[in-house]
Amino acid sequence: MYSIQFSDWGLVFEFTGPVTQGIVQDWLGDVQQLTGGFSEPFSVVIDLKEATPAEARVQGPLREGLRVLQEAGLERTAIVVDSDYREVWNRLPSASDERGVRYVVAHHGSPWASKAHGWVQRGDEPAGNSPPRAIRDGGG
């Protein structure tokens, strides 16, 4: 299942439970409809911390959704992942899509939300020595 929240800086897509091919196909359809409404650059948080990749095929439509969003003016993306599924979701963007994409690994009690929102709203990289493509939130 997924939900969409709108904000003044862009969109939050929150996925929960098993992420199936049908769910991501529905999401891709929503993304394609939503992108016509942006006239300025925008940002996106894709929250996958409560999601489990039920099928390997889900990455194709998720990549396509990122591509559609980028063509519509997507400036920055924060992909929030649970540490248990980090390796699966880390393969989500293809090499050409990685510009502007940052991963935030969510741990219990960690400030993942402030790190994700700091990136998409202001371009704030996390402090210190985290590599830009795999933002660690200091939770372990």
Protein backbone atom coordinates (compact mmCIF):
# COMPACT_ATOMS: atom_id res chain seq x y z
CA MET A 1 0.00 0.00 0.00
CA TYR A 2 1.14 3.60 -0.50
CA SER A 3 -0.01 7.10 0.27
CA ILE A 4 0.77 10.48 -1.26
CA GLN A 5 1.18 13.67 0.74
CA PHE A 6 1.61 17.10 -0.79
CA SER A 7 3.76 19.85 0.70
CA ASP A 8 4.97 23.28 -0.35
CA TRP A 9 8.29 21.77 -1.53
CA GLY A 10 6.94 18.65 -3.29
CA LEU A 11 5.63 15.18 -2.50
CA VAL A 12 6.00 12.39 0.04
CA PHE A 13 5.29 8.85 -1.14
CA GLU A 14 4.98 6.43 1.78
CA PHE A 15 4.96 2.70 1.06
CA THR A 16 3.98 0.16 3.72
CA GLY A 17 3.82 -3.62 3.79
CA PRO A 18 4.64 -5.84 0.83
CA VAL A 19 5.42 -3.81 -2.29
CA THR A 20 4.05 -5.76 -5.25
CA GLN A 21 4.13 -5.19 -9.00
CA GLY A 22 0.47 -4.10 -8.89
CA ILE A 23 1.13 -1.50 -6.20
CA VAL A 24 4.05 0.08 -8.04
CA GLN A 25 2.13 0.07 -11.33
CA ASP A 26 -0.69 2.01 -9.58
CA TRP A 27 1.92 4.36 -8.08
CA LEU A 28 3.51 4.91 -11.50
CA GLY A 29 0.10 5.85 -12.92
CA ASP A 30 -0.41 8.36 -10.10
CA VAL A 31 3.08 9.80 -10.66
CA GLN A 32 2.36 10.28 -14.35
CA GLN A 33 -0.85 12.14 -13.55
CA LEU A 34 0.69 14.30 -10.82
CA THR A 35 3.72 15.52 -12.74
CA GLY A 36 1.75 17.83 -15.00
CA GLY A 37 0.98 20.09 -12.05
CA PHE A 38 4.54 21.28 -11.31
CA SER A 39 5.76 24.51 -12.84
CA GLU A 40 8.88 24.90 -10.66
CA PRO A 41 11.54 22.46 -9.46
CA PHE A 42 10.28 20.22 -6.64
CA SER A 43 11.54 17.49 -4.35
CA VAL A 44 10.31 14.06 -3.27
CA VAL A 45 10.66 11.81 -0.24
CA ILE A 46 10.09 8.13 -1.01
CA ASP A 47 9.54 6.48 2.36
CA LEU A 48 10.25 2.75 2.13
CA LYS A 49 11.15 2.14 5.77
CA GLU A 50 7.92 0.20 6.46
CA ALA A 51 7.93 -1.52 3.05
CA THR A 52 9.16 -4.96 2.09
CA PRO A 53 10.15 -5.69 -1.51
CA ALA A 54 7.75 -8.53 -2.30
CA GLU A 55 8.87 -8.97 -5.90
CA ALA A 56 12.13 -8.19 -7.68
CA ARG A 57 10.13 -6.72 -10.59
CA VAL A 58 9.02 -3.71 -8.52
CA GLN A 59 12.25 -1.85 -9.15
CA GLY A 60 11.49 -1.27 -12.85
CA PRO A 61 8.31 0.77 -12.31
CA LEU A 62 9.93 2.60 -9.37
CA ARG A 63 12.85 3.57 -11.61
CA GLU A 64 10.41 4.67 -14.29
CA GLY A 65 8.56 6.80 -11.74
CA LEU A 66 11.81 8.50 -10.76
CA ARG A 67 12.56 9.16 -14.44
CA VAL A 68 9.08 10.68 -14.98
CA LEU A 69 9.51 12.84 -11.89
CA GLN A 70 12.95 14.02 -13.06
CA GLU A 71 11.56 15.00 -16.45
CA ALA A 72 8.88 17.03 -14.67
CA GLY A 73 11.44 19.04 -12.68
CA LEU A 74 12.45 16.84 -9.77
CA GLU A 75 15.42 18.45 -8.08
CA ARG A 76 16.18 16.25 -5.05
CA THR A 77 15.00 12.86 -3.79
CA ALA A 78 15.42 11.29 -0.36
CA ILE A 79 14.77 7.56 -0.28
CA VAL A 80 14.20 6.38 3.29
CA VAL A 81 15.01 2.69 3.79
CA ASP A 82 15.09 0.26 6.69
CA SER A 83 18.53 -1.17 7.29
CA ASP A 84 17.23 -4.73 6.70
CA TYR A 85 16.32 -3.93 3.09
CA ARG A 86 18.98 -1.33 2.37
CA GLU A 87 20.83 -3.43 -0.22
CA VAL A 88 17.63 -4.18 -2.15
CA TRP A 89 16.42 -0.58 -2.31
CA ASN A 90 19.93 0.84 -2.88
CA ARG A 91 19.79 -0.62 -6.38
CA LEU A 92 16.66 1.40 -7.13
CA PRO A 93 18.02 4.32 -9.15
CA SER A 94 20.10 3.50 -12.18
CA ALA A 95 23.46 5.22 -12.51
CA SER A 96 22.00 8.02 -14.63
CA ASP A 97 19.31 8.72 -12.02
CA GLU A 98 21.63 9.13 -9.05
CA ARG A 99 22.02 12.88 -9.45
CA GLY A 100 20.05 14.40 -6.61
CA VAL A 101 19.21 11.06 -4.97
CA ARG A 102 20.19 10.44 -1.36
CA TYR A 103 19.45 7.44 0.82
CA VAL A 104 18.57 7.78 4.51
CA VAL A 105 18.80 4.57 6.53
CA ALA A 106 16.16 4.62 9.25
CA HIS A 107 16.96 3.11 12.62
CA HIS A 108 14.66 3.07 15.63
CA GLY A 109 14.83 6.44 17.35
CA SER A 110 16.97 8.03 14.68
CA PRO A 111 16.48 11.49 13.12
CA TRP A 112 15.81 10.07 9.65
CA ALA A 113 12.91 12.46 8.98
CA SER A 114 14.93 15.60 9.69
CA LYS A 115 17.78 14.32 7.50
CA ALA A 116 15.45 13.44 4.61
CA HIS A 117 13.57 16.73 4.81
CA GLY A 118 16.79 18.73 5.22
CA TRP A 119 18.04 17.24 1.96
CA VAL A 120 14.88 17.73 -0.11
CA GLN A 121 14.00 21.16 1.23
CA ARG A 122 17.40 22.84 1.49
CA GLY A 123 19.96 20.49 -0.03
CA ASP A 124 21.55 19.93 3.39
CA GLU A 125 23.90 16.98 3.30
CA PRO A 126 24.21 15.20 6.62
CA ALA A 127 27.09 16.41 8.74
CA GLY A 128 30.44 14.76 8.59
CA ASN A 129 31.78 11.91 6.59
CA SER A 130 28.77 10.08 5.15
CA PRO A 131 29.16 9.19 1.50
CA PRO A 132 26.63 11.19 -0.52
CA ARG A 133 24.76 8.16 -1.90
CA ALA A 134 24.23 6.31 1.35
CA ILE A 135 23.30 8.72 4.09
CA ARG A 136 23.67 7.06 7.48
CA ASP A 137 21.58 8.58 10.21
CA GLY A 138 23.91 7.82 13.09
CA GLY A 139 21.58 5.22 14.54
CA GLY A 140 24.02 2.37 14.31
